[in-house]
C-alpha cells in the first residue's frame, strides 16, 4: 500500500488545492481485498447572504460520559459488497466482504441512526451490524451516502437493536490543537474493540481519498487502521469530535501514525443536507480556478491599490455557477465580507485557511455574495458586488460512475455497444478497474496522455458533459480494419459533438444516414455502414455473451 501523490498544484474555488493525499482507511477486508484495499497508504440563503448555518439542534442533547463508558455505543459493521466491473460493465466481479465501525446518534427529531464511512458501505449487497459484547447481527439499510465527505447514514429497523443503546454526544465545535483524543473501533489485528490514543496535531483542508474532494479535516497522531473506518473519535469526556476515515502512508516520506478524522462540522453539514433534501446534494463551490496575487507587479497590472488583496480569476467553468457572472482577470476580493489574502487564504479560527473553506460552508443553491475588482482598459479597476448560487461542481472525470443523471455517489456502470464498438464513460472507477487502484501515482504506460490530461485538467463544456472512451472493438465483418482501436476518446458522432453516453445513444437512435461516423480526439475516424451495423449487432452480442447493447440506465 503506497501513498497516492496529490493531483498537482492546481488551485480552484471548487476546493482543488495542492495537498498531500491520504489513504482511505478502508474496512477490514475478509476476502478479495481489492474492493476495500487501502488507497494510497487508502463540492435559499438568508437575506444577508451568509452561509446558511447548520442548526445547533441537529442532535439531541446527550448526557456526557467518559471514554470507558462509550464502548457499548461503538458498533461493528459487516458488509457484503458487489463490485461492478467497469471495464466489462455488463458483468460484475465476485462478492467480497469487509468489516468496519459505526456509532449511534440521536437527531433533534428523536430518531436514532448510525453513522459510518461511505467507503465502508459502498456497493453493498448486505449490511449487518453487531453491538459490543453481543453475538446477534441486525440488518441495516443505507439511508443516505455522501461520497464527497465519506459519510453514510444507516437505519436499523429492529427495536431490539436499540434497546439500551445510548447515542454519542456530538461536539459541535472544533477541538483545540494538542487536545487528547481516542480512536475507538474494530481495526485489523483482532475481533474485539480497540482504543488508540493521540492528540490533535493539525486542522486544515484535506483531500478525501474516497472522492478526491478537498474538505476540512483534522490530523491526529493516533493510529487509524483498516477496520477503524466510520468509528468515533472522542475527547476525554467521551464526546465525539470526529469520524475516523483515512491515514497517510509513511513509505514515501517517513510519515508515521498520521491519521485523519472528519470534523463534526462536516458531519453536521451532511446530516442537515439530508434533512433538507432527503439526499446528499454536496458542499458549495463556485466553479472557477484562480491565481494567487503575491506578485506586486501582477497586482499593479490588475489595478489593485494598497490595502486591497484577493485572487485573480484564471478561468470560469462553462457549466459552473459562476459562468456569466465572473470573468477572466476579475479579482475576487471578499466572500460575504470576509477578505481574501493575496495567497488565497482567509482568517480561520485556527490560523488561516484556503478560501474554498468559506464556500464549502454553504449548502447547494445558497447564494454567496462576492466583492470583485474588474480591471478596465485604462488600467484602473471597478469594484462590483456579484451573487453566485453555489453548486456541487464535480470534475470532468468524476468519482460518481452513475453519470450526469445519477445520484451523488452512484456507482452503476454504464456502457453502449454499436457496430461492435464498446463505449463507456471515462470515470475514476473505470480507471481503477482498468489500470489498478494506484493508476494515479504509477501512471501505467497503457494510460494515454489524453486520458491523463482529461483527468487532471479537463473542464465540462456544458452541464452533463462526460468524456466517452472506446475501450474495445469486438471483431466482426462490419468493423473490419478497426479491431486494433482501443482507449480512444470520442469527440463527435456524425458531425455532432457528443456530450455524454445518453446523448450518444440518442444520436444513434435518430441516425438515418448511410454511415455511422465516429471521430476521436486523436482525429482517427471509424466509419461503418448503419444498416450493416444494425443487422450485425445481435450476433456480436450473442457471440460475446453480452446480454444487451446498452446498460439498463440508457
Protein backbone atom coordinates (compact mmCIF):
# COMPACT_ATOMS: atom_id res chain seq x y z
CA UNK A 1 0.00 0.00 0.00
CA UNK A 2 1.73 3.13 -1.22
CA UNK A 3 0.62 6.68 -0.81
CA UNK A 4 -1.01 8.38 -3.76
CA UNK A 5 0.52 11.67 -4.79
CA UNK A 6 -1.57 14.82 -4.73
CA UNK A 7 -3.01 15.65 -8.14
CA UNK A 8 -0.70 18.54 -8.90
CA UNK A 9 -0.76 22.10 -7.63
CA UNK A 10 -3.80 23.42 -9.44
CA UNK A 11 -5.98 25.68 -7.32
CA UNK A 12 -9.66 26.39 -7.73
CA UNK A 13 -12.60 27.61 -5.73
CA UNK A 14 -14.05 24.15 -6.01
CA UNK A 15 -11.50 23.11 -3.42
CA UNK A 16 -8.68 21.78 -5.59
CA UNK A 17 -5.61 22.82 -3.71
CA UNK A 18 -2.16 21.29 -3.56
CA UNK A 19 -2.41 18.98 -0.56
CA UNK A 20 -0.88 15.69 0.40
CA UNK A 21 -3.32 12.91 -0.27
CA UNK A 22 -4.06 10.34 2.39
CA UNK A 23 -5.22 6.83 2.04
CA UNK A 24 -8.72 5.70 2.76
CA UNK A 25 -8.56 3.56 5.90
CA UNK A 26 -10.98 1.11 4.47
CA UNK A 27 -12.98 -1.56 6.13
CA UNK A 28 -11.08 -4.64 7.22
CA UNK A 29 -11.21 -7.00 4.27
CA UNK A 30 -12.05 -10.63 4.81
CA UNK A 31 -11.80 -11.84 1.23
CA UNK A 32 -10.62 -10.47 -2.10
CA UNK A 33 -9.06 -7.32 -0.66
CA UNK A 34 -9.30 -5.40 -3.93
CA UNK A 35 -12.71 -3.94 -3.04
CA UNK A 36 -11.72 -2.28 0.22
CA UNK A 37 -7.98 -2.05 -0.22
CA UNK A 38 -6.48 1.00 1.45
CA UNK A 39 -5.98 3.63 -1.22
CA UNK A 40 -2.69 5.33 -1.13
CA UNK A 41 -1.33 4.18 2.35
CA UNK A 42 -6.38 4.00 1.24
CA UNK A 43 -18.41 20.31 -3.62
CA UNK A 44 -32.37 29.96 -0.24
CA UNK A 45 -29.74 31.94 1.51
CA UNK A 46 -30.52 34.29 4.37
CA UNK A 47 -31.15 37.92 3.45
CA UNK A 48 -27.58 38.86 4.37
CA UNK A 49 -26.24 36.11 2.07
CA UNK A 50 -24.21 34.45 4.79
CA UNK A 51 -23.85 30.66 4.55
CA UNK A 52 -26.99 29.06 5.90
CA UNK A 53 -25.87 27.98 9.34
CA UNK A 54 -26.23 24.38 10.39
CA UNK A 55 -28.77 24.41 13.23
CA UNK A 56 -27.23 23.87 16.66
CA UNK A 57 -30.02 21.40 17.46
CA UNK A 58 -29.11 18.85 14.78
CA UNK A 59 -28.51 16.34 17.58
CA UNK A 60 -30.49 15.59 20.72
CA UNK A 61 -28.59 16.64 23.88
CA UNK A 62 -26.88 13.58 25.37
CA UNK A 63 -25.56 13.01 28.87
CA UNK A 64 -21.78 13.17 28.80
CA UNK A 65 -19.76 10.04 29.53
CA UNK A 66 -16.12 9.06 29.96
CA UNK A 67 -14.28 7.19 27.20
CA UNK A 68 -14.53 3.97 29.19
CA UNK A 69 -18.34 4.27 29.19
CA UNK A 70 -18.85 4.66 25.45
CA UNK A 71 -17.67 1.18 24.43
CA UNK A 72 -21.22 -0.15 24.29
CA UNK A 73 -22.04 2.60 21.79
CA UNK A 74 -19.43 1.51 19.23
CA UNK A 75 -20.88 -0.80 16.58
CA UNK A 76 -19.20 -3.37 14.36
CA UNK A 77 -20.36 -3.32 10.74
CA UNK A 78 -20.32 -6.36 8.43
CA UNK A 79 -20.77 -5.65 4.70
CA UNK A 80 -21.04 -7.85 1.63
CA UNK A 81 -20.02 -5.84 -1.43
CA UNK A 82 -20.94 -6.43 -5.07
CA UNK A 83 -18.15 -4.83 -7.08
CA UNK A 84 -19.03 -3.74 -10.64
CA UNK A 85 -16.63 -4.46 -13.46
CA UNK A 86 -16.31 -1.07 -15.14
CA UNK A 87 -14.01 -2.46 -17.82
CA UNK A 88 -16.69 -5.02 -18.80
CA UNK A 89 -19.75 -3.26 -17.41
CA UNK A 90 -22.34 -5.86 -18.45
CA UNK A 91 -21.00 -8.19 -15.74
CA UNK A 92 -19.73 -7.83 -12.17
CA UNK A 93 -16.84 -9.11 -10.13
CA UNK A 94 -17.41 -11.60 -7.33
CA UNK A 95 -18.79 -10.50 -3.99
CA UNK A 96 -16.40 -9.58 -1.20
CA UNK A 97 -16.92 -8.93 2.49
CA UNK A 98 -15.47 -6.44 4.96
CA UNK A 99 -15.84 -5.15 8.49
CA UNK A 100 -15.76 -1.57 9.75
CA UNK A 101 -17.13 0.58 12.57
CA UNK A 102 -20.17 2.80 13.22
CA UNK A 103 -21.72 4.69 16.13
CA UNK A 104 -25.25 5.82 17.07
CA UNK A 105 -26.55 9.37 17.09
CA UNK A 106 -29.92 10.81 18.03
CA UNK A 107 -31.31 13.55 15.83
CA UNK A 108 -33.21 16.53 17.19
CA UNK A 109 -36.41 14.86 15.96
CA UNK A 110 -35.72 11.92 18.29
CA UNK A 111 -34.79 9.43 15.56
CA UNK A 112 -31.77 7.23 16.18
CA UNK A 113 -29.39 6.45 13.33
CA UNK A 114 -25.92 5.01 12.80
CA UNK A 115 -23.05 6.96 11.27
CA UNK A 116 -20.21 5.32 9.33
CA UNK A 117 -17.99 5.99 6.31
CA UNK A 118 -19.34 6.00 2.77
CA UNK A 119 -16.50 3.78 1.58
CA UNK A 120 -17.38 1.21 4.25
CA UNK A 121 -20.85 0.58 2.82
CA UNK A 122 -20.49 1.48 -0.87
CA UNK A 123 -21.62 -1.17 -3.36
CA UNK A 124 -23.27 -3.06 -0.50
CA UNK A 125 -25.43 -6.11 -1.14
CA UNK A 126 -26.00 -6.73 2.57
CA UNK A 127 -25.17 -4.71 5.70
CA UNK A 128 -25.31 -6.19 9.18
CA UNK A 129 -24.39 -4.56 12.47
CA UNK A 130 -23.47 -6.01 15.86
CA UNK A 131 -23.27 -4.33 19.25
CA UNK A 132 -20.32 -4.57 21.59
CA UNK A 133 -20.21 -7.86 23.55
CA UNK A 134 -23.26 -9.23 21.77
CA UNK A 135 -23.48 -12.05 19.26
CA UNK A 136 -26.60 -11.22 17.26
CA UNK A 137 -26.33 -9.32 13.99
CA UNK A 138 -29.05 -6.97 12.74
CA UNK A 139 -29.73 -5.91 9.16
CA UNK A 140 -29.07 -2.25 8.38
CA UNK A 141 -30.01 -0.12 5.37
CA UNK A 142 -28.27 2.90 3.86
CA UNK A 143 -30.46 5.99 4.16
CA UNK A 144 -28.00 8.45 2.66
CA UNK A 145 -24.46 8.29 1.35
CA UNK A 146 -22.18 11.30 0.87
CA UNK A 147 -19.19 10.34 -1.28
CA UNK A 148 -17.58 13.79 -1.11
CA UNK A 149 -17.35 13.77 2.69
CA UNK A 150 -17.07 9.96 3.01
CA UNK A 151 -20.07 9.66 5.34
CA UNK A 152 -23.16 7.49 5.38
CA UNK A 153 -26.32 7.27 7.50
CA UNK A 154 -27.62 3.79 8.33
CA UNK A 155 -31.03 2.76 9.59
CA UNK A 156 -31.69 -0.34 11.72
CA UNK A 157 -35.38 -1.19 11.88
CA UNK A 158 -35.22 -3.77 14.65
CA UNK A 159 -36.36 -2.28 18.02
CA UNK A 160 -34.26 -4.92 19.79
CA UNK A 161 -31.07 -3.43 18.40
CA UNK A 162 -31.75 -0.05 20.01
CA UNK A 163 -32.72 -1.28 23.47
CA UNK A 164 -30.22 0.10 25.96
CA UNK A 165 -28.05 1.62 23.20
CA UNK A 166 -27.02 5.15 24.14
CA UNK A 167 -26.25 7.62 21.31
CA UNK A 168 -22.98 9.52 21.49
CA UNK A 169 -22.81 13.19 22.40
CA UNK A 170 -21.53 15.02 19.31
CA UNK A 171 -19.41 18.13 19.95
CA UNK A 172 -20.43 20.89 17.56
CA UNK A 173 -17.17 22.86 17.73
CA UNK A 174 -13.67 22.10 16.51
CA UNK A 175 -11.20 20.72 19.06
CA UNK A 176 -8.08 22.66 20.01
CA UNK A 177 -4.58 21.69 18.98
CA UNK A 178 -2.98 19.27 21.43
CA UNK A 179 -6.39 18.12 22.71
CA UNK A 180 -6.26 14.43 23.67
CA UNK A 181 -8.46 12.13 21.59
CA UNK A 182 -9.19 8.39 21.42
CA UNK A 183 -9.98 6.38 18.29
CA UNK A 184 -12.48 3.62 19.12
CA UNK A 185 -13.34 0.86 16.68
CA UNK A 186 -12.69 -2.59 15.28
CA UNK A 187 -9.43 -2.38 13.30
CA UNK A 188 -7.42 -5.19 11.78
CA UNK A 189 -5.45 -7.37 14.18
CA UNK A 190 -8.30 -8.82 16.23
CA UNK A 191 -12.04 -9.19 16.64
CA UNK A 192 -12.67 -7.16 19.79
CA UNK A 193 -12.94 -3.44 20.38
CA UNK A 194 -9.73 -1.41 20.15
CA UNK A 195 -8.86 2.01 21.59
CA UNK A 196 -5.84 4.07 20.50
CA UNK A 197 -4.95 7.48 21.86
CA UNK A 198 -3.27 10.58 20.47
CA UNK A 199 -3.60 14.34 20.18
CA UNK A 200 -4.97 16.80 17.63
CA UNK A 201 -1.94 17.97 15.63
CA UNK A 202 -3.42 19.99 12.77
CA UNK A 203 -6.71 21.30 11.37
CA UNK A 204 -6.65 22.11 7.66
CA UNK A 205 -8.17 21.30 4.29
CA UNK A 206 -7.50 17.66 3.39
CA UNK A 207 -8.03 15.68 0.21
CA UNK A 208 -10.56 12.96 0.97
CA UNK A 209 -9.25 9.77 -0.65
CA UNK A 210 -12.78 8.45 -1.28
CA UNK A 211 -13.65 11.14 -3.83
CA UNK A 212 -10.68 13.47 -4.28
CA UNK A 213 -12.76 16.30 -2.78
CA UNK A 214 -10.88 18.73 -0.54
CA UNK A 215 -12.70 19.49 2.71
CA UNK A 216 -11.85 20.38 6.29
CA UNK A 217 -10.06 17.57 8.12
CA UNK A 218 -8.40 17.02 11.48
CA UNK A 219 -4.97 15.40 11.66
CA UNK A 220 -4.17 13.32 14.74
CA UNK A 221 -1.19 11.23 15.75
CA UNK A 222 -3.24 8.18 16.81
CA UNK A 223 -3.15 5.10 14.61
CA UNK A 224 -6.13 4.69 12.26
CA UNK A 225 -6.09 1.31 10.56
CA UNK A 226 -8.28 -0.73 8.24
CA UNK A 227 -11.48 -1.54 10.11
CA UNK A 228 -11.44 1.74 12.09
CA UNK A 229 -13.36 3.35 9.24
CA UNK A 230 -16.54 5.04 10.44
CA UNK A 231 -15.67 4.78 14.09
CA UNK A 232 -15.98 7.66 16.57
CA UNK A 233 -13.03 9.73 17.72
CA UNK A 234 -13.80 11.06 21.20
CA UNK A 235 -12.33 13.56 23.63
CA UNK A 236 -11.52 12.94 27.30
CA UNK A 237 -15.18 13.45 28.23
CA UNK A 238 -16.36 10.77 25.82
CA UNK A 239 -17.83 13.27 23.35
CA UNK A 240 -17.50 12.62 19.62
CA UNK A 241 -15.21 15.16 17.94
CA UNK A 242 -14.93 13.40 14.58
CA UNK A 243 -15.17 10.25 12.46
CA UNK A 244 -12.11 8.13 11.60
CA UNK A 245 -11.64 7.72 7.86
CA UNK A 246 -8.10 7.71 6.44
CA UNK A 247 -4.39 7.86 7.17
CA UNK A 248 -1.16 8.84 5.47
CA UNK A 249 1.37 6.36 4.16
CA UNK A 250 4.87 6.68 5.53
CA UNK A 251 6.52 4.79 2.70
CA UNK A 252 7.31 7.87 0.63
CA UNK A 253 8.21 10.50 3.20
CA UNK A 254 8.72 8.78 6.53
CA UNK A 255 5.31 9.76 7.93
CA UNK A 256 4.20 7.57 10.82
CA UNK A 257 0.97 7.44 12.85
CA UNK A 258 -0.69 10.23 10.89
CA UNK A 259 -4.42 9.73 10.85
CA UNK A 260 -7.25 11.93 9.65
CA UNK A 261 -10.74 12.34 11.05
CA UNK A 262 -13.83 14.02 9.63
CA UNK A 263 -14.73 17.02 11.83
CA UNK A 264 -18.18 17.13 13.37
CA UNK A 265 -18.97 20.34 11.44
CA UNK A 266 -18.72 18.28 8.24
CA UNK A 267 -20.90 15.59 9.82
CA UNK A 268 -23.49 18.19 10.82
CA UNK A 269 -23.50 19.69 7.31
CA UNK A 270 -24.05 16.22 5.85
CA UNK A 271 -26.94 15.42 8.20
CA UNK A 272 -28.59 18.81 7.68
CA UNK A 273 -28.24 18.36 3.90
CA UNK A 274 -30.06 15.03 4.20
CA UNK A 275 -32.75 16.59 6.43
CA UNK A 276 -33.42 19.37 3.90
CA UNK A 277 -33.26 17.37 0.69
CA UNK A 278 -33.74 13.71 1.55
CA UNK A 279 -30.40 13.01 -0.12
CA UNK A 280 -26.84 14.29 -0.29
CA UNK A 281 -26.52 17.31 -2.60
CA UNK A 282 -22.99 18.32 -1.65
CA UNK A 283 -20.91 21.24 -0.45
CA UNK A 284 -20.89 24.66 -2.06
CA UNK A 285 -18.40 25.53 -4.79
CA UNK A 286 -18.28 28.46 -7.19
CA UNK A 287 -16.68 26.78 -10.20
CA UNK A 288 -13.67 28.91 -11.08
CA UNK A 289 -9.91 28.46 -10.95
CA UNK A 290 -7.68 31.16 -9.56
CA UNK A 291 -4.15 32.50 -9.29
CA UNK A 292 -2.61 33.99 -6.17
CA UNK A 293 -1.56 37.66 -6.30
CA UNK A 294 1.64 37.60 -4.28
CA UNK A 295 3.47 39.38 -7.12
CA UNK A 296 3.32 43.20 -6.62
CA UNK A 297 3.74 43.70 -10.37
CA UNK A 298 0.74 41.50 -11.11
CA UNK A 299 -1.34 43.34 -8.52
CA UNK A 300 -0.39 46.68 -10.06
CA UNK A 301 -1.22 45.48 -13.57
CA UNK A 302 -4.67 44.38 -12.40
CA UNK A 303 -5.34 47.75 -10.77
CA UNK A 304 -5.16 46.69 -7.13
CA UNK A 305 -4.42 49.65 -4.89
CA UNK A 306 -2.76 49.42 -1.50
CA UNK A 307 -4.97 47.84 1.13
CA UNK A 308 -6.72 45.56 -1.37
CA UNK A 309 -5.98 41.86 -1.68
CA UNK A 310 -7.52 38.87 -3.38
CA UNK A 311 -7.06 36.29 -6.13
CA UNK A 312 -7.18 36.54 -9.90
CA UNK A 313 -9.80 34.50 -11.75
CA UNK A 314 -7.93 32.33 -14.26
CA UNK A 315 -10.90 30.57 -15.81
CA UNK A 316 -14.58 30.02 -15.17
CA UNK A 317 -16.11 26.57 -15.53
CA UNK A 318 -18.52 26.82 -18.52
CA UNK A 319 -21.03 24.62 -16.70
CA UNK A 320 -20.42 26.06 -13.24
CA UNK A 321 -22.44 28.52 -11.15
CA UNK A 322 -20.08 31.46 -11.82
CA UNK A 323 -20.43 31.22 -15.60
CA UNK A 324 -21.75 34.51 -16.96
CA UNK A 325 -21.06 36.25 -13.64
CA UNK A 326 -17.29 36.17 -13.17
CA UNK A 327 -14.78 36.86 -15.93
CA UNK A 328 -11.16 36.00 -16.53
CA UNK A 329 -8.89 38.57 -14.79
CA UNK A 330 -11.54 39.55 -12.26
CA UNK A 331 -10.04 39.84 -8.80
CA UNK A 332 -12.14 38.27 -6.06
CA UNK A 333 -11.59 40.48 -3.01
CA UNK A 334 -14.10 39.23 -0.45
CA UNK A 335 -16.60 36.45 0.14
CA UNK A 336 -19.53 37.60 2.25
CA UNK A 337 -17.44 40.45 3.54
CA UNK A 338 -14.50 38.26 4.55
CA UNK A 339 -11.27 39.49 2.98
CA UNK A 340 -9.21 37.08 0.87
CA UNK A 341 -5.44 37.34 1.18
CA UNK A 342 -3.15 37.56 -1.83
CA UNK A 343 -2.17 33.96 -1.10
CA UNK A 344 -5.79 32.80 -1.44
CA UNK A 345 -6.42 32.30 2.27
CA UNK A 346 -8.86 33.78 4.77
CA UNK A 347 -8.78 34.20 8.53
CA UNK A 348 -9.68 30.97 10.31
CA UNK A 349 -10.14 30.26 13.99
CA UNK A 350 -7.02 28.08 13.86
CA UNK A 351 -4.91 30.47 11.73
CA UNK A 352 -5.51 30.90 8.01
CA UNK A 353 -7.09 28.52 5.54
CA UNK A 354 -7.80 28.46 1.75
CA UNK A 355 -10.92 30.49 0.95
CA UNK A 356 -12.58 27.40 -0.54
CA UNK A 357 -13.45 26.56 3.08
CA UNK A 358 -15.81 29.54 3.19
CA UNK A 359 -17.68 28.35 0.12
CA UNK A 360 -17.95 24.82 1.50
CA UNK A 361 -19.96 26.06 4.45
CA UNK A 362 -22.81 26.77 2.03
CA UNK A 363 -25.46 24.29 1.03
CA UNK A 364 -26.11 23.85 -2.67
CA UNK A 365 -28.23 26.67 -4.12
CA UNK A 366 -27.34 29.05 -1.28
CA UNK A 367 -26.43 32.50 -2.59
CA UNK A 368 -22.91 33.75 -1.98
CA UNK A 369 -22.05 37.45 -2.25
CA UNK A 370 -18.61 38.28 -3.66
CA UNK A 371 -16.81 41.60 -3.88
CA UNK A 372 -14.70 41.75 -7.01
CA UNK A 373 -12.46 44.17 -8.88
CA UNK A 374 -12.96 44.15 -12.65
CA UNK A 375 -9.94 45.63 -14.46
CA UNK A 376 -10.69 48.28 -17.05
CA UNK A 377 -8.93 49.16 -20.29
CA UNK A 378 -7.37 52.26 -18.74
CA UNK A 379 -5.54 50.18 -16.13
CA UNK A 380 -7.94 51.01 -13.32
CA UNK A 381 -10.40 48.64 -11.75
CA UNK A 382 -14.09 48.88 -10.93
CA UNK A 383 -15.41 47.41 -7.69
CA UNK A 384 -18.52 45.29 -8.05
CA UNK A 385 -20.67 43.04 -5.92
CA UNK A 386 -21.96 39.86 -7.53
CA UNK A 387 -24.06 36.94 -6.30
CA UNK A 388 -23.39 33.29 -7.11
CA UNK A 389 -25.74 30.41 -6.25
CA UNK A 390 -23.18 27.76 -5.31
CA UNK A 391 -23.39 24.21 -6.62
CA UNK A 392 -21.72 20.85 -6.20
CA UNK A 393 -19.19 21.14 -9.02
CA UNK A 394 -17.63 17.81 -9.92
CA UNK A 395 -14.56 17.33 -12.13
CA UNK A 396 -14.90 16.17 -15.71
CA UNK A 397 -13.51 12.74 -14.86
CA UNK A 398 -15.80 12.00 -11.97
CA UNK A 399 -15.87 9.67 -8.98
CA UNK A 400 -19.63 9.27 -9.49
CA UNK A 401 -19.88 6.50 -12.07
CA UNK A 402 -23.64 6.90 -12.45
CA UNK A 403 -23.30 9.87 -14.77
CA UNK A 404 -24.98 13.28 -15.12
CA UNK A 405 -28.43 11.97 -14.20
CA UNK A 406 -27.29 9.66 -11.42
CA UNK A 407 -27.50 10.43 -7.72
CA UNK A 408 -24.45 11.62 -5.82
CA UNK A 409 -22.22 8.62 -5.24
CA UNK A 410 -23.96 6.49 -7.85
CA UNK A 411 -21.67 3.62 -8.84
CA UNK A 412 -23.82 1.97 -11.53
CA UNK A 413 -21.67 1.04 -14.54
CA UNK A 414 -22.88 2.17 -17.96
CA UNK A 415 -21.96 1.15 -21.48
CA UNK A 416 -23.11 1.18 -25.11
CA UNK A 417 -22.24 -1.20 -27.95
CA UNK A 418 -22.62 -0.02 -31.55
CA UNK A 419 -21.27 -2.00 -34.53
CA UNK A 420 -19.07 -3.91 -32.09
CA UNK A 421 -17.58 -0.71 -30.67
CA UNK A 422 -17.78 -0.58 -26.86
CA UNK A 423 -18.16 2.89 -25.34
CA UNK A 424 -18.05 3.67 -21.62
CA UNK A 425 -17.83 6.95 -19.66
CA UNK A 426 -14.31 7.86 -18.54
CA UNK A 427 -14.64 7.88 -14.74
CA UNK A 428 -12.30 7.32 -11.84
CA UNK A 429 -13.92 3.95 -11.01
CA UNK A 430 -13.27 2.86 -14.62
CA UNK A 431 -9.62 3.91 -14.37
CA UNK A 432 -9.23 1.93 -11.15
CA UNK A 433 -10.87 -1.11 -12.73
CA UNK A 434 -8.82 -0.95 -15.93
CA UNK A 435 -5.43 0.24 -14.66
CA UNK A 436 -5.35 -0.61 -10.96
CA UNK A 437 -6.09 1.35 -7.79
CA UNK A 438 -2.74 3.13 -7.94
CA UNK A 439 -3.11 4.33 -11.54
CA UNK A 440 -2.85 7.97 -10.47
CA UNK A 441 0.60 7.58 -8.92
CA UNK A 442 2.01 4.76 -11.05
CA UNK A 443 0.67 6.03 -14.40
CA UNK A 444 0.98 2.78 -16.36
CA UNK A 445 2.16 3.01 -19.95
CA UNK A 446 -1.21 1.90 -21.31
CA UNK A 447 -2.80 5.01 -19.79
CA UNK A 448 -2.79 7.53 -22.64
CA UNK A 449 -1.72 11.13 -22.25
CA UNK A 450 -5.20 12.20 -23.44
CA UNK A 451 -6.87 10.36 -20.56
CA UNK A 452 -4.39 11.78 -18.06
CA UNK A 453 -4.92 15.30 -19.37
CA UNK A 454 -8.71 14.99 -19.10
CA UNK A 455 -8.35 13.61 -15.58
CA UNK A 456 -6.12 16.43 -14.38
CA UNK A 457 -7.20 19.41 -16.48
CA UNK A 458 -10.50 18.55 -18.15
CA UNK A 459 -13.38 21.03 -17.89
CA UNK A 460 -17.05 20.38 -18.58
CA UNK A 461 -18.19 22.27 -21.69
CA UNK A 462 -21.85 22.01 -20.71
CA UNK A 463 -23.82 20.67 -17.78
CA UNK A 464 -23.88 16.89 -18.06
CA UNK A 465 -20.70 16.68 -20.12
CA UNK A 466 -18.67 13.50 -19.65
CA UNK A 467 -15.87 12.08 -21.84
CA UNK A 468 -16.58 8.78 -23.59
CA UNK A 469 -13.97 6.12 -24.17
CA UNK A 470 -13.81 3.45 -26.87
CA UNK A 471 -12.49 0.56 -24.79
CA UNK A 472 -12.51 -2.21 -27.39
CA UNK A 473 -13.73 -3.23 -30.84
CA UNK A 474 -15.40 -6.65 -30.90
CA UNK A 475 -14.26 -8.16 -34.20
CA UNK A 476 -16.93 -8.59 -36.86
CA UNK A 477 -17.27 -8.29 -40.62
CA UNK A 478 -18.98 -4.94 -40.11
CA UNK A 479 -15.90 -3.37 -38.49
CA UNK A 480 -13.02 -4.91 -40.44
CA UNK A 481 -9.93 -2.73 -40.24
CA UNK A 482 -10.70 -1.29 -36.82
CA UNK A 483 -10.00 -4.20 -34.44
CA UNK A 484 -6.82 -2.62 -33.01
CA UNK A 485 -8.56 0.55 -31.84
CA UNK A 486 -8.88 0.93 -28.07
CA UNK A 487 -8.60 3.58 -25.34
CA UNK A 488 -9.70 6.34 -27.74
CA UNK A 489 -11.63 9.41 -26.57
CA UNK A 490 -14.76 10.02 -28.67
CA UNK A 491 -15.19 13.58 -29.91
CA UNK A 492 -18.14 13.53 -32.30
CA UNK A 493 -20.69 11.30 -33.99
CA UNK A 494 -21.94 12.12 -37.49
CA UNK A 495 -20.62 15.65 -37.10
CA UNK A 496 -22.26 16.33 -33.72
CA UNK A 497 -20.11 16.83 -30.62
CA UNK A 498 -21.04 14.13 -28.10
CA UNK A 499 -21.90 15.37 -24.60
CA UNK A 500 -22.34 12.10 -22.72
CA UNK A 501 -23.31 8.44 -23.12
CA UNK A 502 -27.05 9.09 -23.18
CA UNK A 503 -26.54 11.75 -25.83
CA UNK A 504 -24.63 9.23 -27.99
CA UNK A 505 -27.46 6.72 -27.57
CA UNK A 506 -29.98 9.34 -28.69
CA UNK A 507 -27.89 10.29 -31.73
CA UNK A 508 -27.58 6.63 -32.74
CA UNK A 509 -31.35 6.10 -32.39
CA UNK A 510 -32.13 9.13 -34.56
CA UNK A 511 -29.50 8.48 -37.21
CA UNK A 512 -30.88 7.98 -40.74
CA UNK A 513 -27.60 8.44 -42.60
CA UNK A 514 -25.94 5.69 -44.60
CA UNK A 515 -22.83 5.71 -42.44
CA UNK A 516 -22.08 5.89 -38.74
CA UNK A 517 -19.06 8.19 -38.35
CA UNK A 518 -17.14 8.18 -35.06
CA UNK A 519 -14.40 10.82 -34.81
CA UNK A 520 -11.93 10.67 -31.93
CA UNK A 521 -9.79 13.32 -30.23
CA UNK A 522 -6.69 11.97 -31.92
CA UNK A 523 -8.55 12.63 -35.23
CA UNK A 524 -8.79 8.94 -36.08
CA UNK A 525 -12.14 8.12 -37.65
CA UNK A 526 -14.21 4.92 -37.68
CA UNK A 527 -16.93 4.69 -40.34
CA UNK A 528 -19.31 1.76 -40.67
CA UNK A 529 -22.49 1.19 -42.66
CA UNK A 530 -25.53 1.85 -40.50
CA UNK A 531 -27.74 -0.89 -41.97
CA UNK A 532 -24.98 -3.50 -41.77
CA UNK A 533 -24.12 -2.46 -38.20
CA UNK A 534 -27.76 -2.77 -37.11
CA UNK A 535 -28.06 -6.23 -38.68
CA UNK A 536 -24.79 -7.49 -37.19
CA UNK A 537 -25.32 -6.24 -33.64
CA UNK A 538 -27.44 -9.15 -32.25
CA UNK A 539 -24.85 -11.67 -33.44
CA UNK A 540 -21.96 -9.66 -31.96
CA UNK A 541 -23.73 -9.51 -28.60
CA UNK A 542 -24.56 -13.23 -28.59
CA UNK A 543 -21.06 -14.28 -29.60
CA UNK A 544 -19.50 -12.23 -26.79
CA UNK A 545 -22.18 -13.18 -24.21
CA UNK A 546 -23.28 -9.58 -23.71
CA UNK A 547 -26.94 -9.51 -22.59
CA UNK A 548 -27.83 -6.12 -24.05
CA UNK A 549 -26.43 -3.48 -26.37
CA UNK A 550 -26.87 -0.86 -23.63
CA UNK A 551 -26.87 -0.69 -19.86
CA UNK A 552 -30.29 -0.52 -18.23
CA UNK A 553 -29.99 3.16 -17.29
CA UNK A 554 -29.88 4.04 -21.00
